[in-house]
Amino acid sequence: MTARLEPDYFRDLYRRADDPWSFETSEYEREKYRHTLAALGARRFDRALEVGCSIGVFTAMLAPWCEELVGVDVSERALEQARERLAGASGVSLEMRDVAAEMPQGSFDLIVCSEVLYYFGRDLLLEMLGGLEAALRPGGSLLAVHWRPRTETYPLQGDEVHDLLASSLRGLEHAVSEMQERYRIDRFDRPA
């Protein structure tokens, strides 16, 4: 089994196209973003982490919900676009970082993993989940969103990722679950 899609895979994608998944223009993405934000409820977050922030389209939507938002991605080219998009947004920082190798410092009230966890093989993902769970503050939420149709490109399928989350996050409660034809959303909360 493939351990992961390497960071160079994503760097190459962004060298070939500014928006390889059409985040800015896709109706699928707009609908998914609306449902993702709705899954947060009416809460605000002191400190949030968005893993795989890409060009910052969802980051810009999430920022008003957060006092501080850390967005990370492995592509500097994607981050350049995100920085332009979020110029002037208060409390947002963007970092080139591979969370499989190094988590950002500190703890978070919210961790968002949208269409990113299936880029890792099962063993590496389970290891990463331990780090994500450890970084989550009491009362915090881990929100995962993934594409459901079958793909041959990624080490895992979207439903496999969510099933692993449900069976592996021992210290978190499964608070929200939404399954659409093309995507799945699950929110896991750490008791306060």
C-alpha atoms as a PDB file:
ATOM      1  CA  MET A   1       0.000   0.000   0.000  1.00  0.00           C
ATOM      2  CA  THR A   2       1.233   3.496  -0.820  1.00  0.00           C
ATOM      3  CA  ALA A   3       2.398   5.327   2.300  1.00  0.00           C
ATOM      4  CA  ARG A   4       1.259   8.693   0.934  1.00  0.00           C
ATOM      5  CA  LEU A   5       1.120  11.043  -1.998  1.00  0.00           C
ATOM      6  CA  GLU A   6       4.385  12.940  -1.617  1.00  0.00           C
ATOM      7  CA  PRO A   7       4.479  16.760  -1.332  1.00  0.00           C
ATOM      8  CA  ASP A   8       6.067  16.974  -4.817  1.00  0.00           C
ATOM      9  CA  TYR A   9       2.814  15.579  -6.283  1.00  0.00           C
ATOM     10  CA  PHE A  10       0.967  18.692  -5.055  1.00  0.00           C
ATOM     11  CA  ARG A  11       3.776  21.086  -5.919  1.00  0.00           C
ATOM     12  CA  ASP A  12       3.669  19.778  -9.498  1.00  0.00           C
ATOM     13  CA  LEU A  13      -0.114  20.219  -9.644  1.00  0.00           C
ATOM     14  CA  TYR A  14       0.179  23.874  -8.652  1.00  0.00           C
ATOM     15  CA  ARG A  15       3.005  24.444 -11.135  1.00  0.00           C
ATOM     16  CA  ARG A  16       0.651  23.284 -13.913  1.00  0.00           C
ATOM     17  CA  ALA A  17      -2.505  25.102 -12.718  1.00  0.00           C
ATOM     18  CA  ASP A  18      -3.281  27.885 -10.256  1.00  0.00           C
ATOM     19  CA  ASP A  19      -6.477  26.157  -9.071  1.00  0.00           C
ATOM     20  CA  PRO A  20      -6.181  22.445  -9.954  1.00  0.00           C
ATOM     21  CA  TRP A  21      -9.433  21.454  -8.189  1.00  0.00           C
ATOM     22  CA  SER A  22     -11.453  24.542  -9.261  1.00  0.00           C
ATOM     23  CA  PHE A  23     -11.987  25.688  -5.656  1.00  0.00           C
ATOM     24  CA  GLU A  24     -12.884  29.183  -6.846  1.00  0.00           C
ATOM     25  CA  THR A  25     -15.483  28.228  -9.453  1.00  0.00           C
ATOM     26  CA  SER A  26     -16.917  24.781  -8.653  1.00  0.00           C
ATOM     27  CA  GLU A  27     -20.544  24.488  -7.551  1.00  0.00           C
ATOM     28  CA  TYR A  28     -19.572  21.232  -5.811  1.00  0.00           C
ATOM     29  CA  GLU A  29     -17.026  23.142  -3.728  1.00  0.00           C
ATOM     30  CA  ARG A  30     -19.488  25.940  -2.871  1.00  0.00           C
ATOM     31  CA  GLU A  31     -22.101  23.440  -1.684  1.00  0.00           C
ATOM     32  CA  LYS A  32     -19.521  21.464   0.284  1.00  0.00           C
ATOM     33  CA  TYR A  33     -18.211  24.655   1.923  1.00  0.00           C
ATOM     34  CA  ARG A  34     -21.738  25.665   3.016  1.00  0.00           C
ATOM     35  CA  HIS A  35     -22.335  22.258   4.586  1.00  0.00           C
ATOM     36  CA  THR A  36     -18.877  22.224   6.174  1.00  0.00           C
ATOM     37  CA  LEU A  37     -19.484  25.567   7.880  1.00  0.00           C
ATOM     38  CA  ALA A  38     -22.956  24.429   8.973  1.00  0.00           C
ATOM     39  CA  ALA A  39     -21.385  21.365  10.622  1.00  0.00           C
ATOM     40  CA  LEU A  40     -19.528  23.722  12.983  1.00  0.00           C
ATOM     41  CA  GLY A  41     -22.780  24.927  14.526  1.00  0.00           C
ATOM     42  CA  ALA A  42     -22.921  28.482  15.856  1.00  0.00           C
ATOM     43  CA  ARG A  43     -19.569  28.288  17.644  1.00  0.00           C
ATOM     44  CA  ARG A  44     -16.588  30.596  17.411  1.00  0.00           C
ATOM     45  CA  PHE A  45     -13.067  29.293  17.877  1.00  0.00           C
ATOM     46  CA  ASP A  46     -10.100  30.869  19.666  1.00  0.00           C
ATOM     47  CA  ARG A  47      -7.509  28.985  17.626  1.00  0.00           C
ATOM     48  CA  ALA A  48      -8.071  26.814  14.560  1.00  0.00           C
ATOM     49  CA  LEU A  49      -5.910  24.772  12.190  1.00  0.00           C
ATOM     50  CA  GLU A  50      -6.774  24.090   8.557  1.00  0.00           C
ATOM     51  CA  VAL A  51      -4.696  21.226   7.179  1.00  0.00           C
ATOM     52  CA  GLY A  52      -4.188  21.555   3.418  1.00  0.00           C
ATOM     53  CA  CYS A  53      -5.472  25.120   3.021  1.00  0.00           C
ATOM     54  CA  SER A  54      -4.445  25.250  -0.669  1.00  0.00           C
ATOM     55  CA  ILE A  55      -5.184  28.629  -2.287  1.00  0.00           C
ATOM     56  CA  GLY A  56      -7.238  29.808   0.693  1.00  0.00           C
ATOM     57  CA  VAL A  57     -10.789  29.765  -0.695  1.00  0.00           C
ATOM     58  CA  PHE A  58     -12.260  27.899   2.286  1.00  0.00           C
ATOM     59  CA  THR A  59      -9.744  29.576   4.615  1.00  0.00           C
ATOM     60  CA  ALA A  60     -11.320  32.943   3.784  1.00  0.00           C
ATOM     61  CA  MET A  61     -14.764  31.544   4.659  1.00  0.00           C
ATOM     62  CA  LEU A  62     -13.540  29.969   7.895  1.00  0.00           C
ATOM     63  CA  ALA A  63     -11.533  32.982   9.131  1.00  0.00           C
ATOM     64  CA  PRO A  64     -14.532  34.974  10.474  1.00  0.00           C
ATOM     65  CA  TRP A  65     -15.331  32.044  12.795  1.00  0.00           C
ATOM     66  CA  CYS A  66     -11.861  32.146  14.372  1.00  0.00           C
ATOM     67  CA  GLU A  67      -9.854  34.559  16.488  1.00  0.00           C
ATOM     68  CA  GLU A  68      -6.699  32.889  15.159  1.00  0.00           C
ATOM     69  CA  LEU A  69      -6.513  30.574  12.131  1.00  0.00           C
ATOM     70  CA  VAL A  70      -3.391  28.705  11.056  1.00  0.00           C
ATOM     71  CA  GLY A  71      -3.551  27.378   7.499  1.00  0.00           C
ATOM     72  CA  VAL A  72      -0.896  24.919   6.341  1.00  0.00           C
ATOM     73  CA  ASP A  73      -0.056  23.454   2.965  1.00  0.00           C
ATOM     74  CA  VAL A  74       2.912  21.719   1.282  1.00  0.00           C
ATOM     75  CA  SER A  75       2.832  23.945  -1.818  1.00  0.00           C
ATOM     76  CA  GLU A  76       4.443  27.368  -1.596  1.00  0.00           C
ATOM     77  CA  ARG A  77       2.750  28.358  -4.865  1.00  0.00           C
ATOM     78  CA  ALA A  78      -0.685  27.579  -3.394  1.00  0.00           C
ATOM     79  CA  LEU A  79       0.236  29.510  -0.247  1.00  0.00           C
ATOM     80  CA  GLU A  80       1.231  32.557  -2.315  1.00  0.00           C
ATOM     81  CA  GLN A  81      -2.313  32.666  -3.708  1.00  0.00           C
ATOM     82  CA  ALA A  82      -3.776  32.130  -0.241  1.00  0.00           C
ATOM     83  CA  ARG A  83      -1.696  35.024   1.111  1.00  0.00           C
ATOM     84  CA  GLU A  84      -3.027  37.307  -1.634  1.00  0.00           C
ATOM     85  CA  ARG A  85      -6.598  36.202  -0.984  1.00  0.00           C
ATOM     86  CA  LEU A  86      -6.277  36.678   2.783  1.00  0.00           C
ATOM     87  CA  ALA A  87      -4.221  39.881   2.775  1.00  0.00           C
ATOM     88  CA  GLY A  88      -5.671  42.043   5.514  1.00  0.00           C
ATOM     89  CA  ALA A  89      -7.587  39.205   7.187  1.00  0.00           C
ATOM     90  CA  SER A  90      -6.945  39.513  10.889  1.00  0.00           C
ATOM     91  CA  GLY A  91      -5.663  36.565  12.879  1.00  0.00           C
ATOM     92  CA  VAL A  92      -4.759  34.392   9.862  1.00  0.00           C
ATOM     93  CA  SER A  93      -1.301  32.903   9.415  1.00  0.00           C
ATOM     94  CA  LEU A  94      -0.266  30.633   6.564  1.00  0.00           C
ATOM     95  CA  GLU A  95       2.641  28.197   6.760  1.00  0.00           C
ATOM     96  CA  MET A  96       4.352  25.803   4.410  1.00  0.00           C
ATOM     97  CA  ARG A  97       4.245  22.640   6.474  1.00  0.00           C
ATOM     98  CA  ASP A  98       3.789  18.892   6.115  1.00  0.00           C
ATOM     99  CA  VAL A  99       1.696  17.874   9.132  1.00  0.00           C
ATOM    100  CA  ALA A 100       2.730  14.247   8.659  1.00  0.00           C
ATOM    101  CA  ALA A 101       6.257  15.349   9.580  1.00  0.00           C
ATOM    102  CA  GLU A 102       5.578  18.280  11.906  1.00  0.00           C
ATOM    103  CA  MET A 103       2.471  19.702  13.527  1.00  0.00           C
ATOM    104  CA  PRO A 104       2.259  23.452  14.156  1.00  0.00           C
ATOM    105  CA  GLN A 105       3.077  24.499  17.715  1.00  0.00           C
ATOM    106  CA  GLY A 106       0.368  24.706  20.329  1.00  0.00           C
ATOM    107  CA  SER A 107      -3.149  23.404  20.657  1.00  0.00           C
ATOM    108  CA  PHE A 108      -6.376  24.134  18.787  1.00  0.00           C
ATOM    109  CA  ASP A 109     -10.111  24.481  19.401  1.00  0.00           C
ATOM    110  CA  LEU A 110     -10.794  23.399  15.820  1.00  0.00           C
ATOM    111  CA  ILE A 111      -8.869  21.282  13.339  1.00  0.00           C
ATOM    112  CA  VAL A 112     -10.271  21.089   9.791  1.00  0.00           C
ATOM    113  CA  CYS A 113      -9.093  18.364   7.405  1.00  0.00           C
ATOM    114  CA  SER A 114     -10.976  18.880   4.166  1.00  0.00           C
ATOM    115  CA  GLU A 115     -10.140  16.498   1.322  1.00  0.00           C
ATOM    116  CA  VAL A 116      -6.622  15.851   2.578  1.00  0.00           C
ATOM    117  CA  LEU A 117      -6.456  12.779   4.848  1.00  0.00           C
ATOM    118  CA  TYR A 118      -6.887  10.255   2.015  1.00  0.00           C
ATOM    119  CA  TYR A 119      -3.535  11.349   0.634  1.00  0.00           C
ATOM    120  CA  PHE A 120      -1.914   9.233   3.367  1.00  0.00           C
ATOM    121  CA  GLY A 121      -1.800   5.460   3.666  1.00  0.00           C
ATOM    122  CA  ARG A 122      -3.543   3.764   6.582  1.00  0.00           C
ATOM    123  CA  ASP A 123      -0.532   3.406   8.911  1.00  0.00           C
ATOM    124  CA  LEU A 124       0.690   6.959   8.399  1.00  0.00           C
ATOM    125  CA  LEU A 125      -2.833   8.316   8.766  1.00  0.00           C
ATOM    126  CA  LEU A 126      -3.313   6.493  12.070  1.00  0.00           C
ATOM    127  CA  GLU A 127      -0.041   7.976  13.316  1.00  0.00           C
ATOM    128  CA  MET A 128      -1.125  11.449  12.185  1.00  0.00           C
ATOM    129  CA  LEU A 129      -4.502  11.092  13.890  1.00  0.00           C
ATOM    130  CA  GLY A 130      -2.702  10.632  17.192  1.00  0.00           C
ATOM    131  CA  GLY A 131      -0.962  13.970  16.665  1.00  0.00           C
ATOM    132  CA  LEU A 132      -4.153  15.724  15.590  1.00  0.00           C
ATOM    133  CA  GLU A 133      -6.069  14.363  18.561  1.00  0.00           C
ATOM    134  CA  ALA A 134      -3.274  15.353  20.964  1.00  0.00           C
ATOM    135  CA  ALA A 135      -3.354  18.935  19.592  1.00  0.00           C
ATOM    136  CA  LEU A 136      -7.098  19.305  20.206  1.00  0.00           C
ATOM    137  CA  ARG A 137      -8.089  21.275  23.310  1.00  0.00           C
ATOM    138  CA  PRO A 138     -10.875  20.194  25.681  1.00  0.00           C
ATOM    139  CA  GLY A 139     -14.173  21.215  24.072  1.00  0.00           C
ATOM    140  CA  GLY A 140     -12.478  21.331  20.659  1.00  0.00           C
ATOM    141  CA  SER A 141     -13.592  19.782  17.371  1.00  0.00           C
ATOM    142  CA  LEU A 142     -11.923  17.829  14.587  1.00  0.00           C
ATOM    143  CA  LEU A 143     -13.873  18.294  11.361  1.00  0.00           C
ATOM    144  CA  ALA A 144     -13.208  16.008   8.386  1.00  0.00           C
ATOM    145  CA  VAL A 145     -14.661  16.326   4.879  1.00  0.00           C
ATOM    146  CA  HIS A 146     -13.783  14.019   1.988  1.00  0.00           C
ATOM    147  CA  TRP A 147     -14.764  13.092  -1.574  1.00  0.00           C
ATOM    148  CA  ARG A 148     -16.667   9.779  -1.644  1.00  0.00           C
ATOM    149  CA  PRO A 149     -16.567   8.492  -5.253  1.00  0.00           C
ATOM    150  CA  ARG A 150     -13.853   5.952  -5.929  1.00  0.00           C
ATOM    151  CA  THR A 151     -10.442   7.191  -7.002  1.00  0.00           C
ATOM    152  CA  GLU A 152      -7.378   5.251  -8.081  1.00  0.00           C
ATOM    153  CA  THR A 153      -5.009   8.145  -7.337  1.00  0.00           C
ATOM    154  CA  TYR A 154      -5.139   8.321  -3.538  1.00  0.00           C
ATOM    155  CA  PRO A 155      -3.901   5.694  -1.056  1.00  0.00           C
ATOM    156  CA  LEU A 156      -7.302   5.681   0.721  1.00  0.00           C
ATOM    157  CA  GLN A 157     -10.905   6.325  -0.247  1.00  0.00           C
ATOM    158  CA  GLY A 158     -12.971   9.020   1.493  1.00  0.00           C
ATOM    159  CA  ASP A 159     -15.255   6.583   3.302  1.00  0.00           C
ATOM    160  CA  GLU A 160     -12.220   4.583   4.485  1.00  0.00           C
ATOM    161  CA  VAL A 161     -10.797   7.741   6.054  1.00  0.00           C
ATOM    162  CA  HIS A 162     -14.035   8.520   7.899  1.00  0.00           C
ATOM    163  CA  ASP A 163     -14.429   4.938   9.083  1.00  0.00           C
ATOM    164  CA  LEU A 164     -10.850   5.061  10.441  1.00  0.00           C
ATOM    165  CA  LEU A 165     -11.615   8.334  12.200  1.00  0.00           C
ATOM    166  CA  ALA A 166     -14.725   6.879  13.816  1.00  0.00           C
ATOM    167  CA  SER A 167     -12.880   3.779  15.018  1.00  0.00           C
ATOM    168  CA  SER A 168      -9.571   5.395  16.014  1.00  0.00           C
ATOM    169  CA  LEU A 169     -10.336   8.694  17.749  1.00  0.00           C
ATOM    170  CA  ARG A 170     -10.859   7.198  21.205  1.00  0.00           C
ATOM    171  CA  GLY A 171     -10.903  10.431  23.204  1.00  0.00           C
ATOM    172  CA  LEU A 172     -13.413  12.177  20.946  1.00  0.00           C
ATOM    173  CA  GLU A 173     -17.179  11.905  20.578  1.00  0.00           C
ATOM    174  CA  HIS A 174     -18.802  11.594  17.146  1.00  0.00           C
ATOM    175  CA  ALA A 175     -20.973  14.726  17.123  1.00  0.00           C
ATOM    176  CA  VAL A 176     -21.998  15.327  13.484  1.00  0.00           C
ATOM    177  CA  SER A 177     -22.262  13.022  10.489  1.00  0.00           C
ATOM    178  CA  GLU A 178     -23.495  13.949   7.032  1.00  0.00           C
ATOM    179  CA  MET A 179     -23.187  11.716   3.998  1.00  0.00           C
ATOM    180  CA  GLN A 180     -23.911  13.159   0.585  1.00  0.00           C
ATOM    181  CA  GLU A 181     -23.442  11.338  -2.716  1.00  0.00           C
ATOM    182  CA  ARG A 182     -20.123  13.082  -3.441  1.00  0.00           C
ATOM    183  CA  TYR A 183     -18.779  13.990   0.000  1.00  0.00           C
ATOM    184  CA  ARG A 184     -18.915  13.037   3.648  1.00  0.00           C
ATOM    185  CA  ILE A 185     -18.621  15.297   6.695  1.00  0.00           C
ATOM    186  CA  ASP A 186     -17.903  14.105  10.234  1.00  0.00           C
ATOM    187  CA  ARG A 187     -17.213  16.201  13.310  1.00  0.00           C
ATOM    188  CA  PHE A 188     -15.597  14.716  16.388  1.00  0.00           C
ATOM    189  CA  ASP A 189     -15.587  16.663  19.674  1.00  0.00           C
ATOM    190  CA  ARG A 190     -13.335  16.369  22.700  1.00  0.00           C
ATOM    191  CA  PRO A 191     -15.417  16.624  25.873  1.00  0.00           C
ATOM    192  CA  ALA A 192     -14.844  19.899  27.741  1.00  0.00           C
END
